Amino acid sequence: MTRLDETKDFIPVRFAVLTVSDTRGAGDDRSGDTLAARIEAEGHALAARDIVRDERDQIAAKLRDWCAEPEIDVILTTGGTGLTGRDVTVEAHRDVYEKEIEAFGTIFTIVSMKKIGTSAIQSRACAGVAHGTYLFALPGSPGACKDAWDEILKPQFDYRHRPCNFVEIFPRLDEHLRRK
């Protein structure tokens, strides 16, 4: 299974958290607060945080802006992954991705099934890579954010995690852009 290689040093990663909501503000963004607290508790940096409305163009624009920011390694969005007409976060993410990480949605569903049963079918959580930056679209509930962080993201963004992790391939995410 998986393990931590204690002979390796921990490498902090720089995260940005984007809450997608028509109704939440800084004072009641429980999902954003959940992610920010977990990021910092693990020794990573919270490099940016914002809230945007459920508008596909606005979400994609913020993702592109943050992907261009060298001080951001990973973008976590929360909200807008459901099935209603206003849920457009997944479409915005896919507008930006160069590559999709298909297994993330599958693994997130498996984790969710253990907590909420077949209701997990209503989430369209997804992930991808763009311009050397990882992007993850998480549901808008604090519980789903906890599950995604605790069960998937926390181990994958720990350089000591074996047999492999997302941190060790950071230098190669944008190698196609450097080739001539």
C-alpha atoms as a PDB file:
ATOM      1  CA  MET A   1       0.000   0.000   0.000  1.00  0.00           C
ATOM      2  CA  THR A   2       1.239   3.552   0.694  1.00  0.00           C
ATOM      3  CA  ARG A   3       3.706   4.840   3.257  1.00  0.00           C
ATOM      4  CA  LEU A   4       5.783   7.870   4.218  1.00  0.00           C
ATOM      5  CA  ASP A   5       9.510   7.733   3.607  1.00  0.00           C
ATOM      6  CA  GLU A   6      10.783   9.500   6.711  1.00  0.00           C
ATOM      7  CA  THR A   7      14.302   9.750   5.224  1.00  0.00           C
ATOM      8  CA  LYS A   8      13.039  12.424   2.806  1.00  0.00           C
ATOM      9  CA  ASP A   9      12.384  16.037   3.749  1.00  0.00           C
ATOM     10  CA  PHE A  10       8.882  17.509   3.622  1.00  0.00           C
ATOM     11  CA  ILE A  11       8.524  20.043   0.763  1.00  0.00           C
ATOM     12  CA  PRO A  12       5.849  22.723   1.295  1.00  0.00           C
ATOM     13  CA  VAL A  13       3.532  23.385  -1.638  1.00  0.00           C
ATOM     14  CA  ARG A  14       1.791  26.701  -2.448  1.00  0.00           C
ATOM     15  CA  PHE A  15      -1.999  26.393  -2.712  1.00  0.00           C
ATOM     16  CA  ALA A  16      -4.729  28.755  -3.872  1.00  0.00           C
ATOM     17  CA  VAL A  17      -8.340  28.221  -2.784  1.00  0.00           C
ATOM     18  CA  LEU A  18     -11.205  29.486  -4.928  1.00  0.00           C
ATOM     19  CA  THR A  19     -14.765  29.238  -3.659  1.00  0.00           C
ATOM     20  CA  VAL A  20     -17.412  29.252  -6.373  1.00  0.00           C
ATOM     21  CA  SER A  21     -20.729  30.543  -5.057  1.00  0.00           C
ATOM     22  CA  ASP A  22     -23.535  32.992  -5.759  1.00  0.00           C
ATOM     23  CA  THR A  23     -24.358  33.229  -2.056  1.00  0.00           C
ATOM     24  CA  ARG A  24     -21.190  32.820   0.037  1.00  0.00           C
ATOM     25  CA  GLY A  25     -18.958  35.599   1.247  1.00  0.00           C
ATOM     26  CA  ALA A  26     -15.716  35.737   3.207  1.00  0.00           C
ATOM     27  CA  GLY A  27     -17.605  35.511   6.511  1.00  0.00           C
ATOM     28  CA  ASP A  28     -19.482  32.290   5.737  1.00  0.00           C
ATOM     29  CA  ASP A  29     -17.172  30.377   3.384  1.00  0.00           C
ATOM     30  CA  ARG A  30     -16.990  27.197   5.472  1.00  0.00           C
ATOM     31  CA  SER A  31     -15.591  25.027   2.671  1.00  0.00           C
ATOM     32  CA  GLY A  32     -12.863  27.538   1.819  1.00  0.00           C
ATOM     33  CA  ASP A  33     -12.069  27.835   5.537  1.00  0.00           C
ATOM     34  CA  THR A  34     -11.860  24.042   5.810  1.00  0.00           C
ATOM     35  CA  LEU A  35      -9.383  23.788   2.948  1.00  0.00           C
ATOM     36  CA  ALA A  36      -7.287  26.760   4.091  1.00  0.00           C
ATOM     37  CA  ALA A  37      -7.001  25.358   7.621  1.00  0.00           C
ATOM     38  CA  ARG A  38      -5.977  21.900   6.394  1.00  0.00           C
ATOM     39  CA  ILE A  39      -3.419  23.299   3.936  1.00  0.00           C
ATOM     40  CA  GLU A  40      -1.714  25.363   6.614  1.00  0.00           C
ATOM     41  CA  ALA A  41      -1.957  22.627   9.280  1.00  0.00           C
ATOM     42  CA  GLU A  42       0.105  20.337   7.033  1.00  0.00           C
ATOM     43  CA  GLY A  43       2.860  22.934   6.617  1.00  0.00           C
ATOM     44  CA  HIS A  44       1.902  24.110   3.135  1.00  0.00           C
ATOM     45  CA  ALA A  45       1.366  27.752   2.144  1.00  0.00           C
ATOM     46  CA  LEU A  46      -1.951  29.405   1.336  1.00  0.00           C
ATOM     47  CA  ALA A  47      -0.748  31.614  -1.516  1.00  0.00           C
ATOM     48  CA  ALA A  48      -4.133  33.033  -2.562  1.00  0.00           C
ATOM     49  CA  ARG A  49      -7.807  32.824  -1.746  1.00  0.00           C
ATOM     50  CA  ASP A  50     -10.873  34.277  -3.454  1.00  0.00           C
ATOM     51  CA  ILE A  51     -14.587  33.840  -4.121  1.00  0.00           C
ATOM     52  CA  VAL A  52     -16.211  34.087  -7.552  1.00  0.00           C
ATOM     53  CA  ARG A  53     -19.789  33.695  -8.730  1.00  0.00           C
ATOM     54  CA  ASP A  54     -21.019  30.615 -10.562  1.00  0.00           C
ATOM     55  CA  GLU A  55     -20.094  32.054 -13.963  1.00  0.00           C
ATOM     56  CA  ARG A  56     -18.076  29.836 -16.267  1.00  0.00           C
ATOM     57  CA  ASP A  57     -16.058  32.676 -17.821  1.00  0.00           C
ATOM     58  CA  GLN A  58     -15.208  34.219 -14.433  1.00  0.00           C
ATOM     59  CA  ILE A  59     -14.115  30.881 -12.995  1.00  0.00           C
ATOM     60  CA  ALA A  60     -11.967  30.025 -16.030  1.00  0.00           C
ATOM     61  CA  ALA A  61     -10.414  33.506 -16.034  1.00  0.00           C
ATOM     62  CA  LYS A  62      -9.423  33.201 -12.356  1.00  0.00           C
ATOM     63  CA  LEU A  63      -7.985  29.716 -12.967  1.00  0.00           C
ATOM     64  CA  ARG A  64      -5.925  31.012 -15.911  1.00  0.00           C
ATOM     65  CA  ASP A  65      -4.699  34.012 -13.899  1.00  0.00           C
ATOM     66  CA  TRP A  66      -3.620  31.798 -11.031  1.00  0.00           C
ATOM     67  CA  CYS A  67      -1.987  29.252 -13.366  1.00  0.00           C
ATOM     68  CA  ALA A  68       0.168  32.109 -14.669  1.00  0.00           C
ATOM     69  CA  GLU A  69       1.197  33.054 -11.122  1.00  0.00           C
ATOM     70  CA  PRO A  70       4.583  31.490 -10.292  1.00  0.00           C
ATOM     71  CA  GLU A  71       3.803  31.567  -6.553  1.00  0.00           C
ATOM     72  CA  ILE A  72       0.889  29.117  -6.978  1.00  0.00           C
ATOM     73  CA  ASP A  73       1.488  25.392  -7.455  1.00  0.00           C
ATOM     74  CA  VAL A  74      -2.013  24.012  -6.876  1.00  0.00           C
ATOM     75  CA  ILE A  75      -5.505  25.455  -7.231  1.00  0.00           C
ATOM     76  CA  LEU A  76      -8.380  23.984  -5.244  1.00  0.00           C
ATOM     77  CA  THR A  77     -11.883  25.128  -6.123  1.00  0.00           C
ATOM     78  CA  THR A  78     -14.893  24.329  -3.997  1.00  0.00           C
ATOM     79  CA  GLY A  79     -18.457  24.551  -5.229  1.00  0.00           C
ATOM     80  CA  GLY A  80     -20.256  24.244  -8.538  1.00  0.00           C
ATOM     81  CA  THR A  81     -19.558  20.554  -9.206  1.00  0.00           C
ATOM     82  CA  GLY A  82     -23.157  19.359  -8.977  1.00  0.00           C
ATOM     83  CA  LEU A  83     -25.845  18.838 -11.581  1.00  0.00           C
ATOM     84  CA  THR A  84     -27.907  22.026 -11.465  1.00  0.00           C
ATOM     85  CA  GLY A  85     -27.918  24.664 -14.176  1.00  0.00           C
ATOM     86  CA  ARG A  86     -25.685  27.018 -12.180  1.00  0.00           C
ATOM     87  CA  ASP A  87     -23.062  24.308 -11.526  1.00  0.00           C
ATOM     88  CA  VAL A  88     -20.432  25.218 -14.138  1.00  0.00           C
ATOM     89  CA  THR A  89     -17.144  24.797 -12.270  1.00  0.00           C
ATOM     90  CA  VAL A  90     -16.318  21.512 -14.006  1.00  0.00           C
ATOM     91  CA  GLU A  91     -16.867  23.049 -17.440  1.00  0.00           C
ATOM     92  CA  ALA A  92     -14.682  26.036 -16.483  1.00  0.00           C
ATOM     93  CA  HIS A  93     -11.934  23.719 -15.263  1.00  0.00           C
ATOM     94  CA  ARG A  94     -12.034  21.709 -18.472  1.00  0.00           C
ATOM     95  CA  ASP A  95     -11.778  24.945 -20.484  1.00  0.00           C
ATOM     96  CA  VAL A  96      -8.379  25.445 -18.807  1.00  0.00           C
ATOM     97  CA  TYR A  97      -6.927  21.929 -18.523  1.00  0.00           C
ATOM     98  CA  GLU A  98      -4.118  20.747 -20.754  1.00  0.00           C
ATOM     99  CA  LYS A  99      -4.480  17.256 -19.268  1.00  0.00           C
ATOM    100  CA  GLU A 100      -7.214  15.821 -17.107  1.00  0.00           C
ATOM    101  CA  ILE A 101      -6.439  13.583 -14.138  1.00  0.00           C
ATOM    102  CA  GLU A 102      -9.327  11.190 -14.763  1.00  0.00           C
ATOM    103  CA  ALA A 103      -8.668   8.956 -11.762  1.00  0.00           C
ATOM    104  CA  PHE A 104      -9.257  11.801  -9.295  1.00  0.00           C
ATOM    105  CA  GLY A 105     -13.019  11.800  -9.878  1.00  0.00           C
ATOM    106  CA  THR A 106     -13.128   8.029  -9.553  1.00  0.00           C
ATOM    107  CA  ILE A 107     -11.128   7.976  -6.335  1.00  0.00           C
ATOM    108  CA  PHE A 108     -13.168  10.854  -4.928  1.00  0.00           C
ATOM    109  CA  THR A 109     -16.352   8.886  -5.647  1.00  0.00           C
ATOM    110  CA  ILE A 110     -14.955   5.825  -3.868  1.00  0.00           C
ATOM    111  CA  VAL A 111     -14.044   7.949  -0.829  1.00  0.00           C
ATOM    112  CA  SER A 112     -17.465   9.645  -0.876  1.00  0.00           C
ATOM    113  CA  MET A 113     -19.350   6.366  -1.175  1.00  0.00           C
ATOM    114  CA  LYS A 114     -17.967   5.326   2.198  1.00  0.00           C
ATOM    115  CA  LYS A 115     -19.456   8.478   3.771  1.00  0.00           C
ATOM    116  CA  ILE A 116     -22.636   9.300   1.817  1.00  0.00           C
ATOM    117  CA  GLY A 117     -23.446   6.141  -0.097  1.00  0.00           C
ATOM    118  CA  THR A 118     -24.974   6.436  -3.532  1.00  0.00           C
ATOM    119  CA  SER A 119     -25.437  10.197  -3.128  1.00  0.00           C
ATOM    120  CA  ALA A 120     -21.808  10.365  -4.281  1.00  0.00           C
ATOM    121  CA  ILE A 121     -23.133   9.937  -7.825  1.00  0.00           C
ATOM    122  CA  GLN A 122     -24.203  13.595  -7.828  1.00  0.00           C
ATOM    123  CA  SER A 123     -20.655  14.959  -7.619  1.00  0.00           C
ATOM    124  CA  ARG A 124     -18.616  15.743 -10.697  1.00  0.00           C
ATOM    125  CA  ALA A 125     -15.348  16.378  -8.852  1.00  0.00           C
ATOM    126  CA  CYS A 126     -12.481  16.537 -11.332  1.00  0.00           C
ATOM    127  CA  ALA A 127      -8.812  17.459 -11.650  1.00  0.00           C
ATOM    128  CA  GLY A 128      -6.268  18.401 -14.253  1.00  0.00           C
ATOM    129  CA  VAL A 129      -3.026  20.157 -15.059  1.00  0.00           C
ATOM    130  CA  ALA A 130      -2.455  23.449 -16.874  1.00  0.00           C
ATOM    131  CA  HIS A 131       0.750  25.472 -17.275  1.00  0.00           C
ATOM    132  CA  GLY A 132       2.566  23.416 -14.652  1.00  0.00           C
ATOM    133  CA  THR A 133      -0.208  23.895 -12.086  1.00  0.00           C
ATOM    134  CA  TYR A 134      -2.487  21.253 -10.604  1.00  0.00           C
ATOM    135  CA  LEU A 135      -6.195  22.104 -10.484  1.00  0.00           C
ATOM    136  CA  PHE A 136      -8.846  20.283  -8.441  1.00  0.00           C
ATOM    137  CA  ALA A 137     -12.597  20.963  -8.497  1.00  0.00           C
ATOM    138  CA  LEU A 138     -14.189  19.846  -5.225  1.00  0.00           C
ATOM    139  CA  PRO A 139     -17.821  19.925  -4.124  1.00  0.00           C
ATOM    140  CA  GLY A 140     -19.005  22.861  -2.024  1.00  0.00           C
ATOM    141  CA  SER A 141     -19.642  21.064   1.249  1.00  0.00           C
ATOM    142  CA  PRO A 142     -17.108  21.195   4.087  1.00  0.00           C
ATOM    143  CA  GLY A 143     -17.452  17.410   4.488  1.00  0.00           C
ATOM    144  CA  ALA A 144     -16.542  16.775   0.853  1.00  0.00           C
ATOM    145  CA  CYS A 145     -13.563  19.142   1.159  1.00  0.00           C
ATOM    146  CA  LYS A 146     -12.381  17.303   4.281  1.00  0.00           C
ATOM    147  CA  ASP A 147     -12.726  13.956   2.527  1.00  0.00           C
ATOM    148  CA  ALA A 148     -10.864  15.108  -0.586  1.00  0.00           C
ATOM    149  CA  TRP A 149      -8.053  16.649   1.457  1.00  0.00           C
ATOM    150  CA  ASP A 150      -7.678  13.958   4.108  1.00  0.00           C
ATOM    151  CA  GLU A 151      -7.995  10.928   1.851  1.00  0.00           C
ATOM    152  CA  ILE A 152      -6.459  12.074  -1.457  1.00  0.00           C
ATOM    153  CA  LEU A 153      -4.768  15.470  -1.552  1.00  0.00           C
ATOM    154  CA  LYS A 154      -2.904  15.412   1.768  1.00  0.00           C
ATOM    155  CA  PRO A 155      -0.956  12.231   0.928  1.00  0.00           C
ATOM    156  CA  GLN A 156      -0.433  13.131  -2.727  1.00  0.00           C
ATOM    157  CA  PHE A 157       1.024  16.534  -1.853  1.00  0.00           C
ATOM    158  CA  ASP A 158       3.445  15.087   0.675  1.00  0.00           C
ATOM    159  CA  TYR A 159       6.776  14.528  -1.059  1.00  0.00           C
ATOM    160  CA  ARG A 160       7.526  11.680   1.333  1.00  0.00           C
ATOM    161  CA  HIS A 161       4.475   9.683   0.217  1.00  0.00           C
ATOM    162  CA  ARG A 162       5.356   6.415  -1.509  1.00  0.00           C
ATOM    163  CA  PRO A 163       5.268   4.799  -3.946  1.00  0.00           C
ATOM    164  CA  CYS A 164       4.681   8.131  -5.749  1.00  0.00           C
ATOM    165  CA  ASN A 165       3.177  11.598  -5.287  1.00  0.00           C
ATOM    166  CA  PHE A 166       2.274  14.765  -7.195  1.00  0.00           C
ATOM    167  CA  VAL A 167       5.144  16.810  -5.722  1.00  0.00           C
ATOM    168  CA  GLU A 168       7.935  14.749  -7.268  1.00  0.00           C
ATOM    169  CA  ILE A 169       6.669  15.397 -10.812  1.00  0.00           C
ATOM    170  CA  PHE A 170       6.197  19.173 -10.476  1.00  0.00           C
ATOM    171  CA  PRO A 171       9.359  19.896 -12.520  1.00  0.00           C
ATOM    172  CA  ARG A 172       8.025  17.853 -15.433  1.00  0.00           C
ATOM    173  CA  LEU A 173       4.435  19.155 -15.633  1.00  0.00           C
ATOM    174  CA  ASP A 174       5.286  21.844 -18.160  1.00  0.00           C
ATOM    175  CA  GLU A 175       8.201  20.153 -19.949  1.00  0.00           C
ATOM    176  CA  HIS A 176       6.220  20.147 -23.205  1.00  0.00           C
ATOM    177  CA  LEU A 177       6.251  23.951 -23.133  1.00  0.00           C
ATOM    178  CA  ARG A 178      10.058  24.029 -22.907  1.00  0.00           C
ATOM    179  CA  ARG A 179      10.725  21.670 -25.832  1.00  0.00           C
ATOM    180  CA  LYS A 180      11.796  23.192 -29.128  1.00  0.00           C
END
